[in-house]
Amino acid sequence: MAALAVVRDLREHWAPASAEELERFETDVLSGFVLARASAGLTDGTIRGDVGHLDQIRSWFGRPLWDMGPG
């Protein structure tokens, strides 16, 4: 029989991420995106174009991609 465990919210114990940590996280996310696209067999040119478009959007709005959403 399964027992219940106490679960606590870790968010309340974490300090907000620094700008450097967010930049590293965004780099890691984009690296994972590139790896997934390459693993799926897409060409380098297609991946380069996809990443270029994401970079243009991020530069235009001046904030991380995950902070964006439909209006």
C-alpha atoms as a PDB file:
ATOM      1  CA  MET A   1       0.000   0.000   0.000  1.00  0.00           C
ATOM      2  CA  ALA A   2       1.339   3.456  -0.882  1.00  0.00           C
ATOM      3  CA  ALA A   3       1.875   5.975   1.864  1.00  0.00           C
ATOM      4  CA  LEU A   4       1.398   9.713   1.596  1.00  0.00           C
ATOM      5  CA  ALA A   5       4.426  11.948   1.870  1.00  0.00           C
ATOM      6  CA  VAL A   6       4.723  15.536   2.980  1.00  0.00           C
ATOM      7  CA  VAL A   7       5.433  17.803   0.023  1.00  0.00           C
ATOM      8  CA  ARG A   8       6.741  21.310   0.434  1.00  0.00           C
ATOM      9  CA  ASP A   9       7.000  24.141  -2.039  1.00  0.00           C
ATOM     10  CA  LEU A  10      10.656  24.805  -2.812  1.00  0.00           C
ATOM     11  CA  ARG A  11       9.966  28.120  -4.541  1.00  0.00           C
ATOM     12  CA  GLU A  12       9.634  29.932  -1.236  1.00  0.00           C
ATOM     13  CA  HIS A  13      13.189  28.937  -0.272  1.00  0.00           C
ATOM     14  CA  TRP A  14      14.939  29.939  -3.482  1.00  0.00           C
ATOM     15  CA  ALA A  15      16.361  33.368  -4.038  1.00  0.00           C
ATOM     16  CA  PRO A  16      15.398  35.047  -7.317  1.00  0.00           C
ATOM     17  CA  ALA A  17      17.721  34.161 -10.178  1.00  0.00           C
ATOM     18  CA  SER A  18      20.371  36.683 -11.122  1.00  0.00           C
ATOM     19  CA  ALA A  19      20.633  38.097 -14.627  1.00  0.00           C
ATOM     20  CA  GLU A  20      23.692  35.907 -15.229  1.00  0.00           C
ATOM     21  CA  GLU A  21      21.839  32.762 -14.128  1.00  0.00           C
ATOM     22  CA  LEU A  22      18.910  33.603 -16.420  1.00  0.00           C
ATOM     23  CA  GLU A  23      21.291  34.169 -19.326  1.00  0.00           C
ATOM     24  CA  ARG A  24      22.965  30.787 -18.726  1.00  0.00           C
ATOM     25  CA  PHE A  25      19.558  29.115 -18.473  1.00  0.00           C
ATOM     26  CA  GLU A  26      18.417  30.664 -21.742  1.00  0.00           C
ATOM     27  CA  THR A  27      21.630  29.491 -23.424  1.00  0.00           C
ATOM     28  CA  ASP A  28      21.021  25.968 -22.094  1.00  0.00           C
ATOM     29  CA  VAL A  29      17.425  25.998 -23.357  1.00  0.00           C
ATOM     30  CA  LEU A  30      18.490  27.143 -26.829  1.00  0.00           C
ATOM     31  CA  SER A  31      21.254  24.520 -26.854  1.00  0.00           C
ATOM     32  CA  GLY A  32      18.677  21.850 -26.075  1.00  0.00           C
ATOM     33  CA  PHE A  33      16.479  23.205 -28.866  1.00  0.00           C
ATOM     34  CA  VAL A  34      19.373  22.963 -31.346  1.00  0.00           C
ATOM     35  CA  LEU A  35      20.252  19.450 -30.197  1.00  0.00           C
ATOM     36  CA  ALA A  36      16.638  18.290 -30.511  1.00  0.00           C
ATOM     37  CA  ARG A  37      16.346  19.757 -34.016  1.00  0.00           C
ATOM     38  CA  ALA A  38      19.653  18.161 -35.074  1.00  0.00           C
ATOM     39  CA  SER A  39      18.571  14.817 -33.619  1.00  0.00           C
ATOM     40  CA  ALA A  40      15.378  15.057 -35.650  1.00  0.00           C
ATOM     41  CA  GLY A  41      17.502  15.259 -38.797  1.00  0.00           C
ATOM     42  CA  LEU A  42      17.013  18.898 -39.735  1.00  0.00           C
ATOM     43  CA  THR A  43      19.775  20.547 -41.736  1.00  0.00           C
ATOM     44  CA  ASP A  44      22.184  23.043 -40.231  1.00  0.00           C
ATOM     45  CA  GLY A  45      20.690  25.808 -42.364  1.00  0.00           C
ATOM     46  CA  THR A  46      17.177  25.130 -41.079  1.00  0.00           C
ATOM     47  CA  ILE A  47      18.354  25.080 -37.466  1.00  0.00           C
ATOM     48  CA  ARG A  48      20.399  28.247 -37.981  1.00  0.00           C
ATOM     49  CA  GLY A  49      17.310  29.962 -39.407  1.00  0.00           C
ATOM     50  CA  ASP A  50      15.108  28.839 -36.514  1.00  0.00           C
ATOM     51  CA  VAL A  51      17.598  30.021 -33.902  1.00  0.00           C
ATOM     52  CA  GLY A  52      18.093  33.270 -35.815  1.00  0.00           C
ATOM     53  CA  HIS A  53      14.368  33.986 -35.735  1.00  0.00           C
ATOM     54  CA  LEU A  54      14.187  33.252 -32.010  1.00  0.00           C
ATOM     55  CA  ASP A  55      17.172  35.542 -31.416  1.00  0.00           C
ATOM     56  CA  GLN A  56      15.572  38.340 -33.435  1.00  0.00           C
ATOM     57  CA  ILE A  57      12.342  38.084 -31.430  1.00  0.00           C
ATOM     58  CA  ARG A  58      14.238  38.044 -28.152  1.00  0.00           C
ATOM     59  CA  SER A  59      16.336  41.073 -29.189  1.00  0.00           C
ATOM     60  CA  TRP A  60      13.299  42.987 -30.397  1.00  0.00           C
ATOM     61  CA  PHE A  61      11.364  42.571 -27.147  1.00  0.00           C
ATOM     62  CA  GLY A  62      14.448  42.695 -24.914  1.00  0.00           C
ATOM     63  CA  ARG A  63      13.425  39.927 -22.562  1.00  0.00           C
ATOM     64  CA  PRO A  64      13.648  36.142 -22.309  1.00  0.00           C
ATOM     65  CA  LEU A  65      11.454  34.114 -24.632  1.00  0.00           C
ATOM     66  CA  TRP A  66       9.552  32.483 -21.765  1.00  0.00           C
ATOM     67  CA  ASP A  67       8.357  35.923 -20.588  1.00  0.00           C
ATOM     68  CA  MET A  68       6.478  36.443 -23.845  1.00  0.00           C
ATOM     69  CA  GLY A  69       2.933  35.480 -24.584  1.00  0.00           C
ATOM     70  CA  PRO A  70       0.041  36.427 -26.809  1.00  0.00           C
ATOM     71  CA  GLY A  71      -1.486  39.840 -26.188  1.00  0.00           C
END
